[in-house]
């Protein structure tokens, strides 16, 4: 039953749908219960106080079962709310060990380094992310929400690396190609924003 629930959570978008499902889907029940309790604390009132409480429970869940990827990813995102860059990076690197070429993890590590005022490491990970985005997107002719989201992230990556003109052009091309209204709305808030504005948007973005 836990295995089925984990798959359903993945499909529902609680973790990134582009990440391959780990070979060992079974999560220790105690870890799952702690994850569930953490989300029940945070989601009704998503503020920094509840984020701290949720992170404490997620720490326990991860210590019980390092295969509880959903707890690791949730902790990584909640660290933005409380400006805990070291723990956010620790969470991101745990995921990177399992999914070394996953693009949005590489991009997120770059953001965490940027927020922590470490531009050298930030640029290294933006570069790694851009390589992986290009490997996937340059040979892909099919357009869907996942590909459009990756195109948006690639454009953000370009801007983070200082190529604002090329990044803005790619972002606008992606926006104009999108048909779905919900996805279009998601991309719209990133249009024509500076590097610092994009970092701020991603820092304060509500975690779902």
Protein backbone atom coordinates (compact mmCIF):
# COMPACT_ATOMS: atom_id res chain seq x y z
CA UNK A 1 0.00 0.00 0.00
CA UNK A 2 2.82 2.41 0.86
CA UNK A 3 4.45 1.67 -2.49
CA UNK A 4 1.21 2.52 -4.31
CA UNK A 5 0.79 5.75 -2.32
CA UNK A 6 4.35 6.79 -3.12
CA UNK A 7 3.75 6.29 -6.84
CA UNK A 8 0.52 8.31 -6.61
CA UNK A 9 2.35 11.13 -4.81
CA UNK A 10 4.98 11.16 -7.55
CA UNK A 11 2.31 11.29 -10.24
CA UNK A 12 0.45 14.06 -8.41
CA UNK A 13 3.51 16.29 -8.59
CA UNK A 14 4.67 16.25 -4.99
CA UNK A 15 8.06 15.44 -6.46
CA UNK A 16 9.33 16.29 -9.89
CA UNK A 17 7.70 13.99 -12.50
CA UNK A 18 10.89 14.03 -14.59
CA UNK A 19 12.86 12.16 -11.95
CA UNK A 20 12.96 8.41 -12.42
CA UNK A 21 11.28 6.48 -9.63
CA UNK A 22 13.91 4.99 -7.35
CA UNK A 23 14.40 1.24 -7.54
CA UNK A 24 13.44 0.79 -3.90
CA UNK A 25 10.00 2.36 -3.61
CA UNK A 26 9.28 1.03 -0.16
CA UNK A 27 9.45 3.70 2.51
CA UNK A 28 9.71 2.75 6.17
CA UNK A 29 6.24 3.44 7.66
CA UNK A 30 7.65 5.55 10.51
CA UNK A 31 9.44 7.79 8.00
CA UNK A 32 6.30 8.14 5.89
CA UNK A 33 4.26 9.04 8.98
CA UNK A 34 6.75 11.77 9.91
CA UNK A 35 6.67 13.16 6.37
CA UNK A 36 2.87 13.19 6.43
CA UNK A 37 2.86 14.92 9.83
CA UNK A 38 5.30 17.55 8.56
CA UNK A 39 3.08 18.40 5.61
CA UNK A 40 -0.01 18.52 7.82
CA UNK A 41 1.76 21.15 9.91
CA UNK A 42 3.06 23.24 7.03
CA UNK A 43 0.35 23.27 4.37
CA UNK A 44 -2.58 24.72 6.39
CA UNK A 45 -0.42 27.75 7.29
CA UNK A 46 2.72 27.90 5.11
CA UNK A 47 4.84 30.34 7.09
CA UNK A 48 8.43 30.22 8.37
CA UNK A 49 7.42 29.10 11.87
CA UNK A 50 5.57 26.06 10.56
CA UNK A 51 8.36 25.44 8.05
CA UNK A 52 10.84 25.09 10.94
CA UNK A 53 8.52 22.62 12.69
CA UNK A 54 8.04 20.66 9.47
CA UNK A 55 11.79 20.54 8.78
CA UNK A 56 12.42 19.03 12.23
CA UNK A 57 10.02 16.19 11.43
CA UNK A 58 11.49 15.74 7.95
CA UNK A 59 14.97 15.49 9.50
CA UNK A 60 13.69 12.58 11.58
CA UNK A 61 12.03 10.95 8.55
CA UNK A 62 15.25 11.14 6.52
CA UNK A 63 17.35 9.81 9.41
CA UNK A 64 15.03 6.80 9.61
CA UNK A 65 14.93 6.14 5.86
CA UNK A 66 17.22 7.79 3.32
CA UNK A 67 15.02 6.32 0.56
CA UNK A 68 12.25 8.73 1.56
CA UNK A 69 13.01 11.01 -1.39
CA UNK A 70 9.77 12.93 -0.98
CA UNK A 71 10.90 14.02 2.50
CA UNK A 72 14.33 15.05 1.19
CA UNK A 73 12.82 17.09 -1.63
CA UNK A 74 10.26 18.69 0.68
CA UNK A 75 12.99 19.67 3.14
CA UNK A 76 15.07 21.11 0.31
CA UNK A 77 12.23 23.39 -0.76
CA UNK A 78 11.21 24.37 2.77
CA UNK A 79 14.78 25.52 3.46
CA UNK A 80 14.08 28.47 1.15
CA UNK A 81 11.34 29.61 3.50
CA UNK A 82 13.68 29.76 6.49
CA UNK A 83 16.84 30.79 4.58
CA UNK A 84 18.67 27.66 5.69
CA UNK A 85 21.09 27.40 2.78
CA UNK A 86 23.44 24.74 4.29
CA UNK A 87 20.58 22.31 4.98
CA UNK A 88 19.02 23.10 1.62
CA UNK A 89 22.30 22.24 -0.09
CA UNK A 90 22.67 19.08 1.99
CA UNK A 91 19.19 17.98 0.84
CA UNK A 92 19.91 18.83 -2.80
CA UNK A 93 23.18 16.89 -2.76
CA UNK A 94 21.42 13.85 -1.26
CA UNK A 95 19.09 13.90 -4.25
CA UNK A 96 21.95 14.53 -6.65
CA UNK A 97 23.70 11.34 -5.46
CA UNK A 98 20.63 9.40 -6.62
CA UNK A 99 19.89 11.45 -9.73
CA UNK A 100 23.25 12.98 -10.76
CA UNK A 101 22.10 14.45 -14.07
CA UNK A 102 18.64 15.64 -12.99
CA UNK A 103 18.45 19.16 -14.36
CA UNK A 104 16.26 20.91 -11.82
CA UNK A 105 18.36 19.60 -8.92
CA UNK A 106 21.50 21.03 -10.55
CA UNK A 107 19.72 24.35 -11.10
CA UNK A 108 18.43 24.40 -7.51
CA UNK A 109 21.94 23.78 -6.16
CA UNK A 110 23.07 26.78 -8.17
CA UNK A 111 20.31 28.89 -6.60
CA UNK A 112 21.23 27.78 -3.09
CA UNK A 113 24.84 28.74 -3.67
CA UNK A 114 23.69 32.10 -5.07
CA UNK A 115 21.44 32.76 -2.07
CA UNK A 116 24.41 31.85 0.15
CA UNK A 117 26.61 34.42 -1.68
CA UNK A 118 28.86 31.81 -3.29
CA UNK A 119 28.88 32.85 -6.98
CA UNK A 120 31.77 30.59 -8.00
CA UNK A 121 30.02 27.36 -7.03
CA UNK A 122 26.70 28.75 -8.26
CA UNK A 123 28.13 29.28 -11.75
CA UNK A 124 29.63 25.78 -11.81
CA UNK A 125 26.23 24.21 -11.20
CA UNK A 126 24.40 26.50 -13.60
CA UNK A 127 26.90 25.38 -16.24
CA UNK A 128 26.32 21.70 -15.41
CA UNK A 129 22.56 22.23 -15.52
CA UNK A 130 22.68 24.04 -18.86
CA UNK A 131 24.64 21.18 -20.43
CA UNK A 132 22.04 18.65 -19.29
CA UNK A 133 19.08 20.83 -20.34
CA UNK A 134 20.59 21.20 -23.81
CA UNK A 135 21.24 17.46 -24.14
CA UNK A 136 17.55 16.78 -23.58
CA UNK A 137 15.92 19.74 -25.27
CA UNK A 138 18.01 20.19 -28.42
CA UNK A 139 17.02 16.75 -29.69
CA UNK A 140 13.40 16.85 -28.51
CA UNK A 141 10.78 17.81 -31.07
CA UNK A 142 7.73 17.10 -28.88
CA UNK A 143 6.28 19.98 -26.88
CA UNK A 144 4.34 19.40 -23.68
CA UNK A 145 4.13 20.93 -20.20
CA UNK A 146 7.21 19.09 -18.93
CA UNK A 147 9.31 20.15 -21.93
CA UNK A 148 8.02 23.72 -21.68
CA UNK A 149 8.94 23.79 -18.01
CA UNK A 150 12.41 22.56 -18.86
CA UNK A 151 12.72 25.24 -21.56
CA UNK A 152 11.78 27.85 -18.97
CA UNK A 153 14.40 26.50 -16.58
CA UNK A 154 17.02 26.47 -19.33
CA UNK A 155 16.23 30.13 -20.06
CA UNK A 156 16.55 30.94 -16.34
CA UNK A 157 19.88 29.11 -16.31
CA UNK A 158 21.14 31.24 -19.21
CA UNK A 159 20.18 34.41 -17.35
CA UNK A 160 21.83 33.15 -14.16
CA UNK A 161 25.03 32.65 -16.17
CA UNK A 162 24.93 36.24 -17.42
CA UNK A 163 23.46 35.71 -20.91
CA UNK A 164 20.33 37.74 -20.27
CA UNK A 165 19.60 38.53 -23.92
CA UNK A 166 19.64 34.90 -25.03
CA UNK A 167 17.77 33.75 -21.92
CA UNK A 168 15.01 36.33 -22.32
CA UNK A 169 14.64 35.42 -25.99
CA UNK A 170 14.32 31.72 -25.15
CA UNK A 171 11.85 32.48 -22.37
CA UNK A 172 9.64 34.56 -24.63
CA UNK A 173 9.75 31.88 -27.35
CA UNK A 174 8.66 29.31 -24.79
CA UNK A 175 5.86 31.56 -23.53
CA UNK A 176 4.55 32.21 -27.05
CA UNK A 177 4.58 28.47 -27.87
CA UNK A 178 2.50 27.49 -24.85
CA UNK A 179 -1.21 26.90 -25.43
CA UNK A 180 -2.32 25.83 -21.97
CA UNK A 181 -3.50 28.86 -19.97
CA UNK A 182 -2.31 27.58 -16.59
CA UNK A 183 1.19 26.89 -17.87
CA UNK A 184 1.25 30.25 -19.66
CA UNK A 185 0.39 31.97 -16.38
CA UNK A 186 3.22 30.12 -14.61
CA UNK A 187 5.78 31.29 -17.17
CA UNK A 188 4.46 34.85 -17.35
CA UNK A 189 5.82 35.90 -13.96
CA UNK A 190 9.39 35.13 -15.11
CA UNK A 191 9.25 37.19 -18.31
CA UNK A 192 11.61 40.15 -18.73
CA UNK A 193 13.03 39.85 -15.22
CA UNK A 194 16.62 40.54 -14.24
CA UNK A 195 18.89 37.94 -12.70
CA UNK A 196 18.32 39.28 -9.18
CA UNK A 197 14.58 39.51 -9.71
CA UNK A 198 14.46 35.87 -10.81
CA UNK A 199 16.42 34.79 -7.73
CA UNK A 200 13.97 36.66 -5.53
CA UNK A 201 10.94 35.17 -7.29
CA UNK A 202 12.26 31.66 -6.78
CA UNK A 203 13.16 32.39 -3.18
CA UNK A 204 9.69 33.53 -2.17
CA UNK A 205 7.74 31.18 -4.43
CA UNK A 206 5.17 29.26 -2.39
CA UNK A 207 6.16 25.64 -1.92
CA UNK A 208 3.33 23.22 -2.78
